[in-house]
C-alpha cells in the first residue's frame, strides 16, 4: 500500500517511522531538507523536498490512484488544499486530513464532496484523553472501544492494592458483579499474558477491560484510589489547555496560566468560571502566590516539552499532588521520573492510532497504539465469514489461531459484551478486541476481519 505523508514535523515523522516498519511503501514531503534526510537515514522510505499542496510536488512524490494521502502539516489550510488537489488531479484512493480548527471540522462538505475522506484532530483527541484521566484518578491510560461501551485501562499496581500479592482470579470473588478481564501485564517492562494463577506484584503495569462505570472499582483492586480532586492548574492556554478548562470548569476550580496578554484576554472572555493568569508555568513566585500546594491536579499543556517537564517538576516540588503533561517527543516518555511526572500523554501516539485504524485491511472500527516503542496495540475488528475464518465459527474463541503475544480480550455481540472465556463460542459478525503485546504478524490478525 502506498502512503504519501505531507509534513515531516513531529506528527508526520512519527507516522513515517511507524508505517515504514509495517511494509507500507512510504513517501514523505516537506520543505525542510534536513528533516527528510534524517528520516531517510533512519527508515526505509522515499522523500521529496517541496510544498505539500503543489501538484508538481505530489506528482514527483508518486501520487496516483493507489495512494493514501496523509496531510498532517501544521497548517489546516495547506492540509485542506492538498486533499482537494490530490483527489481532483490524482484521484488518490483516500485522503486523511489533520485539522486543528473546530470550525473546519464542522464544515468538511464545504471543501468539496469526498475530497476529505477522514478528518483527524489530535488536539480534540488529547483533550478527551485528559478528561478521562482526570475523571478516573489512578488510571494511567484509558482507551475507548465499541463506541465507548468498553474501555481498555492501564494501572500501576501499588502495595496498598487489594489484589497485590494475590492470584489474579481472586478479582472474581472480590468483585463478583463486575465484568472485567486482564489481557496483559507488563512486569519490569516485559509483557506477559496472565492466567488466573498469575500473582499480581507491586509495580506491575496492568491492562484491563471494563465498562466506564467499573473503571474506578477495578483500579481500586490494584491500588488505593487517589483522593477526590477539586482544584486544577493548567499551564498553557492554547487549544488543548483552553478546551480542557472549558470542559471541566463547571466541576473543578481551575486556574490557567499563559504568557501571552492577547491569549489571556481571548480565553478569559470565553471561559465562565476559570481564573486566567498571565505568566510562566516555571515562575516559582507565581506558583507560590497561587497556592500551588493546594492544587490537586497540575496540567502542563504547552507546545514546548521542556516547559511542560520543568514546570511539572517545580509544581511537584512545591506541593502539587498530581502532575499530568503532554510530551511531543515520545523518547521522553520512558525516562521521565515518576516522582515528578505522574502521567505523560503523547499526542504522537494518539495521532498514529487515529491513522492506523483507517489503513487496516478489513473491517476495523478501532485500532489503538498502546506503546509505540514495543508495538503493543489493541484492535477492534468484526469477524466475517471468509476463507480464513469459515472453520472457526461455533468453536471457542481460544481456539482461533493467533500470532504469539496476542489474545482476544472481549467479544461484542449485538451490543452485549462478553469478556474472554474458554467457553465463549465465536459467531459470524462478532466484534472482537484483540490485544497485541508486541511486534507480530498483524496480517494474520487482519485476515480475520476481511469480508468475503
Protein backbone atom coordinates (compact mmCIF):
# COMPACT_ATOMS: atom_id res chain seq x y z
CA UNK A 1 0.00 0.00 0.00
CA UNK A 2 1.37 3.42 -0.99
CA UNK A 3 1.35 6.10 1.70
CA UNK A 4 2.17 9.74 0.91
CA UNK A 5 2.77 11.83 4.05
CA UNK A 6 2.72 15.60 3.72
CA UNK A 7 4.67 17.19 6.56
CA UNK A 8 7.77 15.89 8.36
CA UNK A 9 7.07 17.53 11.70
CA UNK A 10 6.58 15.52 14.87
CA UNK A 11 3.29 14.01 13.68
CA UNK A 12 4.47 13.25 10.15
CA UNK A 13 7.79 11.83 11.33
CA UNK A 14 6.07 9.56 13.85
CA UNK A 15 3.71 8.26 11.17
CA UNK A 16 6.59 7.75 8.76
CA UNK A 17 8.67 5.77 11.27
CA UNK A 18 5.71 3.60 12.36
CA UNK A 19 4.33 2.87 8.90
CA UNK A 20 7.70 2.24 7.24
CA UNK A 21 8.20 -0.65 9.71
CA UNK A 22 4.89 -2.24 8.66
CA UNK A 23 5.62 -2.96 5.00
CA UNK A 24 3.92 0.17 3.69
CA UNK A 25 5.52 1.97 0.76
CA UNK A 26 6.04 5.37 2.41
CA UNK A 27 6.94 8.73 0.85
CA UNK A 28 7.31 11.96 2.83
CA UNK A 29 7.10 15.53 1.52
CA UNK A 30 8.42 18.58 3.37
CA UNK A 31 10.19 21.85 2.70
CA UNK A 32 12.87 21.06 5.28
CA UNK A 33 15.60 19.08 3.56
CA UNK A 34 17.41 18.25 6.81
CA UNK A 35 14.32 16.64 8.37
CA UNK A 36 13.80 14.49 5.28
CA UNK A 37 17.44 13.45 5.20
CA UNK A 38 17.26 12.27 8.84
CA UNK A 39 14.13 10.25 8.09
CA UNK A 40 15.71 8.66 5.04
CA UNK A 41 18.81 7.70 7.01
CA UNK A 42 16.79 6.06 9.77
CA UNK A 43 13.96 4.38 7.85
CA UNK A 44 13.17 2.64 4.57
CA UNK A 45 11.19 5.36 2.80
CA UNK A 46 11.31 7.91 -0.01
CA UNK A 47 11.36 11.69 0.38
CA UNK A 48 10.59 14.71 -1.76
CA UNK A 49 11.58 18.30 -0.97
CA UNK A 50 8.77 20.70 -1.80
CA UNK A 51 5.48 22.28 -0.78
CA UNK A 52 2.93 19.61 0.06
CA UNK A 53 -0.01 21.24 -1.70
CA UNK A 54 1.78 21.85 -5.02
CA UNK A 55 0.58 19.46 -7.78
CA UNK A 56 4.14 19.27 -9.14
CA UNK A 57 5.43 18.10 -5.76
CA UNK A 58 2.70 15.44 -5.43
CA UNK A 59 3.48 14.19 -8.93
CA UNK A 60 7.18 13.84 -8.13
CA UNK A 61 6.27 12.03 -4.90
CA UNK A 62 4.28 9.46 -6.90
CA UNK A 63 0.65 10.34 -6.07
CA UNK A 64 -1.78 8.12 -8.02
CA UNK A 65 -4.95 6.01 -7.71
CA UNK A 66 -3.24 3.56 -5.33
CA UNK A 67 -2.04 6.24 -2.90
CA UNK A 68 -3.41 7.08 0.54
CA UNK A 69 -2.62 10.72 1.34
CA UNK A 70 -1.89 11.77 4.92
CA UNK A 71 -1.97 15.58 5.08
CA UNK A 72 -0.51 16.29 8.53
CA UNK A 73 1.35 19.60 8.24
CA UNK A 74 0.88 22.26 10.93
CA UNK A 75 -1.33 24.29 8.55
CA UNK A 76 -5.02 23.37 8.29
CA UNK A 77 -5.28 25.35 5.06
CA UNK A 78 -2.35 23.51 3.47
CA UNK A 79 -3.83 20.16 4.52
CA UNK A 80 -7.26 21.00 3.09
CA UNK A 81 -5.84 22.25 -0.22
CA UNK A 82 -3.60 19.19 -0.50
CA UNK A 83 -6.57 16.84 -0.12
CA UNK A 84 -8.59 18.75 -2.72
CA UNK A 85 -5.76 18.63 -5.26
CA UNK A 86 -4.88 15.01 -4.53
CA UNK A 87 -8.47 13.90 -5.14
CA UNK A 88 -9.25 16.08 -8.17
CA UNK A 89 -5.93 15.82 -10.02
CA UNK A 90 -4.50 12.45 -8.93
CA UNK A 91 -7.66 10.59 -7.88
CA UNK A 92 -5.93 9.20 -4.81
CA UNK A 93 -7.51 6.24 -3.04
CA UNK A 94 -8.11 8.00 0.30
CA UNK A 95 -7.30 11.30 2.00
CA UNK A 96 -6.73 11.70 5.74
CA UNK A 97 -6.56 15.34 6.82
CA UNK A 98 -5.23 16.74 10.09
CA UNK A 99 -7.36 19.68 11.25
CA UNK A 100 -6.90 21.76 14.39
CA UNK A 101 -9.65 24.33 13.92
CA UNK A 102 -13.04 23.11 15.12
CA UNK A 103 -14.88 25.29 12.59
CA UNK A 104 -13.20 23.38 9.76
CA UNK A 105 -14.14 20.04 11.33
CA UNK A 106 -17.79 21.07 11.27
CA UNK A 107 -17.69 22.14 7.59
CA UNK A 108 -15.98 19.35 5.67
CA UNK A 109 -18.53 19.39 2.83
CA UNK A 110 -17.56 22.99 2.07
CA UNK A 111 -14.25 21.72 0.69
CA UNK A 112 -15.90 19.53 -1.94
CA UNK A 113 -17.75 16.27 -1.66
CA UNK A 114 -15.42 13.36 -0.77
CA UNK A 115 -12.27 15.47 -1.03
CA UNK A 116 -11.55 14.82 2.64
CA UNK A 117 -12.36 11.20 3.45
CA UNK A 118 -11.18 11.24 7.07
CA UNK A 119 -10.59 14.28 9.27
CA UNK A 120 -8.48 13.81 12.39
CA UNK A 121 -7.93 16.27 15.22
CA UNK A 122 -5.04 15.41 17.55
CA UNK A 123 -5.95 18.34 19.81
CA UNK A 124 -9.51 17.06 20.36
CA UNK A 125 -8.22 13.54 20.96
CA UNK A 126 -5.69 14.73 23.55
CA UNK A 127 -8.37 16.75 25.35
CA UNK A 128 -10.74 13.78 25.52
CA UNK A 129 -7.99 11.57 26.95
CA UNK A 130 -7.08 14.19 29.54
CA UNK A 131 -10.72 14.44 30.66
CA UNK A 132 -10.90 10.64 31.06
CA UNK A 133 -7.68 10.53 33.11
CA UNK A 134 -8.80 13.36 35.38
CA UNK A 135 -12.21 11.78 35.97
CA UNK A 136 -10.63 8.39 36.78
CA UNK A 137 -7.69 9.04 39.12
CA UNK A 138 -5.34 6.09 39.43
CA UNK A 139 -5.67 5.09 35.77
CA UNK A 140 -2.61 5.90 33.66
CA UNK A 141 -4.07 5.21 30.22
CA UNK A 142 -7.68 4.93 29.05
CA UNK A 143 -8.76 3.99 25.52
CA UNK A 144 -12.33 3.66 24.22
CA UNK A 145 -13.68 0.78 22.12
CA UNK A 146 -17.07 -0.31 20.78
CA UNK A 147 -18.35 3.28 20.61
CA UNK A 148 -17.30 3.90 24.21
CA UNK A 149 -19.13 0.91 25.70
CA UNK A 150 -15.87 -0.69 26.81
CA UNK A 151 -12.56 0.80 27.93
CA UNK A 152 -9.00 -0.52 27.89
CA UNK A 153 -7.29 0.84 31.01
CA UNK A 154 -3.71 0.78 32.27
CA UNK A 155 -2.97 0.97 36.01
CA UNK A 156 0.24 0.58 38.02
CA UNK A 157 -0.18 -1.87 40.92
CA UNK A 158 0.77 -0.44 44.31
CA UNK A 159 1.42 -2.31 47.55
CA UNK A 160 -1.81 -0.95 49.05
CA UNK A 161 -3.91 -2.54 46.26
CA UNK A 162 -6.30 -5.27 47.39
CA UNK A 163 -5.14 -7.69 44.69
CA UNK A 164 -1.38 -7.19 45.10
CA UNK A 165 0.44 -10.39 46.13
CA UNK A 166 -2.69 -12.42 45.35
CA UNK A 167 -3.74 -14.55 42.38
CA UNK A 168 -5.47 -12.68 39.55
CA UNK A 169 -8.52 -14.96 39.76
CA UNK A 170 -9.23 -13.50 43.24
CA UNK A 171 -10.72 -10.48 41.48
CA UNK A 172 -13.81 -12.60 40.75
CA UNK A 173 -14.51 -13.17 44.46
CA UNK A 174 -13.68 -9.55 45.32
CA UNK A 175 -15.94 -8.17 42.57
CA UNK A 176 -18.46 -10.87 41.60
CA UNK A 177 -20.77 -8.43 39.77
CA UNK A 178 -18.07 -6.65 37.75
CA UNK A 179 -17.39 -7.68 34.16
CA UNK A 180 -13.65 -7.27 33.62
CA UNK A 181 -10.67 -9.07 32.04
CA UNK A 182 -6.89 -8.62 32.24
CA UNK A 183 -5.28 -9.48 28.86
CA UNK A 184 -1.77 -8.24 29.63
CA UNK A 185 0.68 -7.36 32.37
CA UNK A 186 4.00 -5.58 31.91
CA UNK A 187 6.44 -6.59 34.62
CA UNK A 188 9.73 -4.69 34.69
CA UNK A 189 8.95 -3.63 31.14
CA UNK A 190 8.44 -7.17 29.82
CA UNK A 191 4.97 -8.31 28.66
CA UNK A 192 3.17 -11.44 29.78
CA UNK A 193 -0.29 -12.86 29.12
CA UNK A 194 -1.60 -13.77 32.59
CA UNK A 195 -3.89 -16.57 33.68
CA UNK A 196 -5.96 -16.96 36.83
CA UNK A 197 -2.98 -18.19 38.84
CA UNK A 198 -0.74 -15.23 37.98
CA UNK A 199 0.32 -13.39 41.15
CA UNK A 200 -0.09 -9.60 40.90
CA UNK A 201 3.08 -7.86 42.08
CA UNK A 202 3.81 -4.32 43.15
CA UNK A 203 4.72 -2.04 40.18
CA UNK A 204 3.12 -4.38 37.63
CA UNK A 205 1.59 -2.38 34.78
CA UNK A 206 -1.80 -3.99 34.33
CA UNK A 207 -4.11 -3.58 31.33
CA UNK A 208 -7.75 -4.43 31.91
CA UNK A 209 -11.05 -4.12 30.06
CA UNK A 210 -14.20 -2.84 31.74
CA UNK A 211 -17.20 -0.59 31.24
CA UNK A 212 -16.51 3.04 32.16
CA UNK A 213 -18.74 2.73 35.24
CA UNK A 214 -16.49 -0.07 36.57
CA UNK A 215 -13.09 1.55 35.96
CA UNK A 216 -12.66 3.03 39.44
CA UNK A 217 -13.62 -0.16 41.28
CA UNK A 218 -11.14 -2.26 39.24
CA UNK A 219 -8.40 0.34 39.77
CA UNK A 220 -9.13 0.10 43.50
CA UNK A 221 -8.16 -3.59 43.33
CA UNK A 222 -4.70 -2.65 42.05
CA UNK A 223 -4.02 0.45 44.12
CA UNK A 224 -5.81 2.72 46.58
CA UNK A 225 -7.63 5.45 44.69
CA UNK A 226 -6.25 8.95 44.75
CA UNK A 227 -8.36 11.25 46.90
CA UNK A 228 -11.07 13.23 45.14
CA UNK A 229 -9.85 16.29 43.26
CA UNK A 230 -11.39 19.73 43.02
CA UNK A 231 -8.56 22.19 42.28
CA UNK A 232 -6.71 22.27 38.96
CA UNK A 233 -3.98 24.43 37.49
CA UNK A 234 -3.31 24.41 33.74
CA UNK A 235 -0.14 25.80 32.19
CA UNK A 236 -0.73 26.74 28.55
CA UNK A 237 -3.83 28.48 27.22
CA UNK A 238 -3.58 27.04 23.73
CA UNK A 239 -6.21 24.87 22.04
CA UNK A 240 -5.77 21.93 24.43
CA UNK A 241 -5.48 23.93 27.66
CA UNK A 242 -8.47 26.09 26.76
CA UNK A 243 -10.61 23.11 25.69
CA UNK A 244 -9.79 21.23 28.90
CA UNK A 245 -10.73 24.21 31.07
CA UNK A 246 -13.94 24.77 29.09
CA UNK A 247 -14.94 21.13 29.52
CA UNK A 248 -14.23 20.85 33.25
CA UNK A 249 -14.77 24.34 34.70
CA UNK A 250 -18.27 23.55 35.99
CA UNK A 251 -16.93 20.67 38.09
CA UNK A 252 -13.47 21.90 39.12
CA UNK A 253 -11.91 25.11 40.43
CA UNK A 254 -9.47 25.90 37.63
CA UNK A 255 -6.63 28.38 37.16
CA UNK A 256 -4.96 28.66 33.74
CA UNK A 257 -1.59 30.32 33.12
CA UNK A 258 -0.37 31.69 29.77
CA UNK A 259 2.45 34.14 28.95
CA UNK A 260 0.57 36.00 26.19
CA UNK A 261 -1.52 39.08 27.01
CA UNK A 262 -3.60 38.60 23.88
CA UNK A 263 -4.27 34.91 24.53
CA UNK A 264 -5.20 35.58 28.15
CA UNK A 265 -7.72 38.16 27.02
CA UNK A 266 -9.23 35.84 24.40
CA UNK A 267 -9.69 32.83 26.67
CA UNK A 268 -10.83 34.87 29.69
CA UNK A 269 -13.71 36.19 27.56
CA UNK A 270 -14.72 32.65 26.59
CA UNK A 271 -14.39 30.94 29.97
CA UNK A 272 -17.01 31.39 32.67
CA UNK A 273 -15.56 30.22 35.98
CA UNK A 274 -11.87 29.70 35.22
CA UNK A 275 -9.32 32.18 36.60
CA UNK A 276 -6.88 33.26 33.84
CA UNK A 277 -3.38 34.38 34.88
CA UNK A 278 -0.63 35.92 32.76
CA UNK A 279 2.73 34.36 33.46
CA UNK A 280 5.06 31.39 33.06
CA UNK A 281 4.46 27.92 34.46
CA UNK A 282 8.08 27.84 35.62
CA UNK A 283 7.72 31.04 37.67
CA UNK A 284 8.19 29.80 41.24
CA UNK A 285 6.91 33.01 42.84
CA UNK A 286 3.75 32.94 40.73
CA UNK A 287 3.03 29.32 41.64
CA UNK A 288 3.58 30.00 45.33
CA UNK A 289 1.35 33.09 45.24
CA UNK A 290 -1.43 30.97 43.68
CA UNK A 291 -1.14 28.37 46.45
CA UNK A 292 0.33 25.57 44.36
CA UNK A 293 0.46 23.38 47.49
CA UNK A 294 -3.36 23.21 47.41
CA UNK A 295 -3.58 22.15 43.76
CA UNK A 296 -4.85 18.59 43.26
CA UNK A 297 -4.04 18.29 39.53
CA UNK A 298 -1.36 20.30 37.72
CA UNK A 299 -1.51 20.03 33.89
CA UNK A 300 1.35 21.33 31.73
CA UNK A 301 -0.06 21.54 28.20
CA UNK A 302 2.14 23.93 26.20
CA UNK A 303 3.70 23.09 22.83
CA UNK A 304 7.16 23.01 24.41
CA UNK A 305 8.19 19.70 26.00
CA UNK A 306 10.91 21.23 28.16
CA UNK A 307 8.50 23.83 29.55
CA UNK A 308 5.99 21.11 30.40
CA UNK A 309 8.59 18.92 32.07
CA UNK A 310 10.29 21.63 34.10
CA UNK A 311 7.04 23.28 35.24
CA UNK A 312 5.71 19.89 36.40
CA UNK A 313 8.98 19.24 38.31
CA UNK A 314 8.61 22.61 40.01
CA UNK A 315 4.91 22.11 40.77
CA UNK A 316 5.58 18.74 42.41
CA UNK A 317 8.46 20.17 44.42
CA UNK A 318 6.17 22.95 45.67
CA UNK A 319 3.43 20.55 46.73
CA UNK A 320 1.06 19.86 43.81
CA UNK A 321 -0.48 16.44 44.41
CA UNK A 322 -0.57 15.12 40.83
CA UNK A 323 1.05 16.24 37.57
CA UNK A 324 -0.09 15.48 34.02
CA UNK A 325 1.86 16.71 30.99
CA UNK A 326 1.80 16.32 27.24
CA UNK A 327 5.07 15.29 25.60
CA UNK A 328 5.51 15.59 21.84
CA UNK A 329 8.90 13.86 21.78
CA UNK A 330 8.00 10.25 22.54
CA UNK A 331 11.54 9.36 23.60
CA UNK A 332 10.95 11.38 26.79
CA UNK A 333 8.05 9.15 27.87
CA UNK A 334 10.14 6.34 29.34
CA UNK A 335 12.82 8.46 31.01
CA UNK A 336 10.66 10.89 32.97
CA UNK A 337 10.94 10.31 36.75
CA UNK A 338 7.57 9.16 38.12
CA UNK A 339 8.07 11.07 41.35
CA UNK A 340 7.78 14.34 39.37
CA UNK A 341 5.53 13.42 36.41
CA UNK A 342 2.59 11.18 37.22
CA UNK A 343 1.21 10.89 33.68
CA UNK A 344 2.83 11.87 30.37
CA UNK A 345 0.45 11.84 27.41
CA UNK A 346 1.82 11.62 23.86
CA UNK A 347 -0.11 13.41 21.08
CA UNK A 348 2.10 11.47 18.64
CA UNK A 349 0.83 8.11 19.89
CA UNK A 350 -2.78 9.24 19.68
CA UNK A 351 -2.34 10.59 16.15
CA UNK A 352 -0.67 7.40 14.94
CA UNK A 353 -3.57 5.43 16.41
CA UNK A 354 -6.14 7.60 14.63
CA UNK A 355 -4.42 6.99 11.30
CA UNK A 356 -3.75 3.26 11.76
CA UNK A 357 -7.42 2.34 12.05
CA UNK A 358 -8.06 3.86 8.62
CA UNK A 359 -5.22 1.93 6.98
CA UNK A 360 -6.04 -1.54 8.29
CA UNK A 361 -7.18 -4.28 5.95
CA UNK A 362 -10.70 -5.46 6.65
CA UNK A 363 -13.48 -4.26 8.91
CA UNK A 364 -11.59 -2.48 11.72
CA UNK A 365 -13.59 0.23 13.55
CA UNK A 366 -10.80 0.99 16.02
CA UNK A 367 -7.06 0.44 16.36
CA UNK A 368 -5.04 1.93 19.21
CA UNK A 369 -1.28 2.02 19.60
CA UNK A 370 -0.72 1.44 23.33
CA UNK A 371 3.09 1.53 23.38
CA UNK A 372 4.89 2.91 20.34
CA UNK A 373 8.33 1.50 21.08
CA UNK A 374 7.23 -2.09 21.75
CA UNK A 375 4.41 -2.14 19.18
CA UNK A 376 1.71 -3.03 21.73
CA UNK A 377 -1.75 -2.44 20.27
CA UNK A 378 -5.42 -3.16 20.76
CA UNK A 379 -7.55 -3.77 17.66
CA UNK A 380 -11.32 -3.83 17.42
CA UNK A 381 -12.45 -5.79 14.38
CA UNK A 382 -15.53 -7.55 13.02
CA UNK A 383 -15.05 -11.21 12.12
CA UNK A 384 -16.82 -12.01 8.86
CA UNK A 385 -17.12 -15.39 7.22
CA UNK A 386 -14.23 -15.73 4.76
CA UNK A 387 -11.67 -18.30 3.68
CA UNK A 388 -9.59 -17.63 6.79
CA UNK A 389 -12.44 -17.80 9.32
CA UNK A 390 -15.02 -20.22 7.91
CA UNK A 391 -13.88 -23.12 10.14
CA UNK A 392 -13.78 -21.12 13.39
CA UNK A 393 -17.45 -20.38 13.94
CA UNK A 394 -19.24 -22.15 16.78
CA UNK A 395 -15.84 -23.01 18.23
CA UNK A 396 -14.28 -21.47 21.37
CA UNK A 397 -12.53 -18.16 20.70
CA UNK A 398 -9.48 -19.59 22.47
CA UNK A 399 -9.05 -21.99 19.50
CA UNK A 400 -8.70 -19.21 16.92
CA UNK A 401 -5.06 -19.32 15.76
CA UNK A 402 -3.37 -16.04 16.62
CA UNK A 403 0.29 -14.99 16.46
CA UNK A 404 2.37 -15.15 19.64
CA UNK A 405 1.74 -12.40 22.20
CA UNK A 406 -1.88 -11.94 21.08
CA UNK A 407 -5.16 -12.65 22.87
CA UNK A 408 -8.85 -12.00 22.17
CA UNK A 409 -9.81 -9.95 25.21
CA UNK A 410 -13.53 -9.41 24.59
CA UNK A 411 -16.39 -10.09 22.19
CA UNK A 412 -19.20 -7.62 21.47
CA UNK A 413 -22.31 -9.32 20.09
CA UNK A 414 -25.48 -7.32 19.43
CA UNK A 415 -24.47 -4.68 21.99
CA UNK A 416 -23.72 -7.31 24.64
CA UNK A 417 -20.16 -7.53 25.98
CA UNK A 418 -18.58 -10.89 26.73
CA UNK A 419 -15.14 -10.94 28.32
CA UNK A 420 -12.62 -13.62 27.30
CA UNK A 421 -13.68 -17.11 28.32
CA UNK A 422 -12.55 -20.54 27.15
CA UNK A 423 -16.21 -21.49 26.82
CA UNK A 424 -17.19 -18.49 24.66
CA UNK A 425 -18.06 -19.59 21.10
CA UNK A 426 -17.40 -17.44 18.04
CA UNK A 427 -20.36 -16.33 15.91
CA UNK A 428 -20.42 -14.63 12.47
CA UNK A 429 -20.10 -10.84 12.63
CA UNK A 430 -18.86 -10.89 16.22
CA UNK A 431 -16.90 -7.76 17.07
CA UNK A 432 -13.72 -8.71 18.92
CA UNK A 433 -10.99 -6.78 20.71
CA UNK A 434 -7.58 -8.30 20.08
CA UNK A 435 -4.76 -7.35 22.42
CA UNK A 436 -1.26 -7.40 20.88
CA UNK A 437 1.60 -7.27 23.38
CA UNK A 438 4.40 -6.57 20.91
CA UNK A 439 5.51 -6.61 17.29
CA UNK A 440 3.86 -9.52 15.49
CA UNK A 441 2.31 -10.71 12.21
CA UNK A 442 -0.57 -8.23 12.00
CA UNK A 443 -1.65 -9.55 8.61
CA UNK A 444 -2.71 -12.83 10.24
CA UNK A 445 -4.96 -10.85 12.58
CA UNK A 446 -6.34 -8.54 9.88
CA UNK A 447 -7.26 -11.57 7.74
CA UNK A 448 -9.90 -12.38 10.36
CA UNK A 449 -11.65 -9.11 9.56
CA UNK A 450 -11.76 -9.38 5.76
CA UNK A 451 -15.12 -9.52 4.04
CA UNK A 452 -15.54 -12.49 1.71
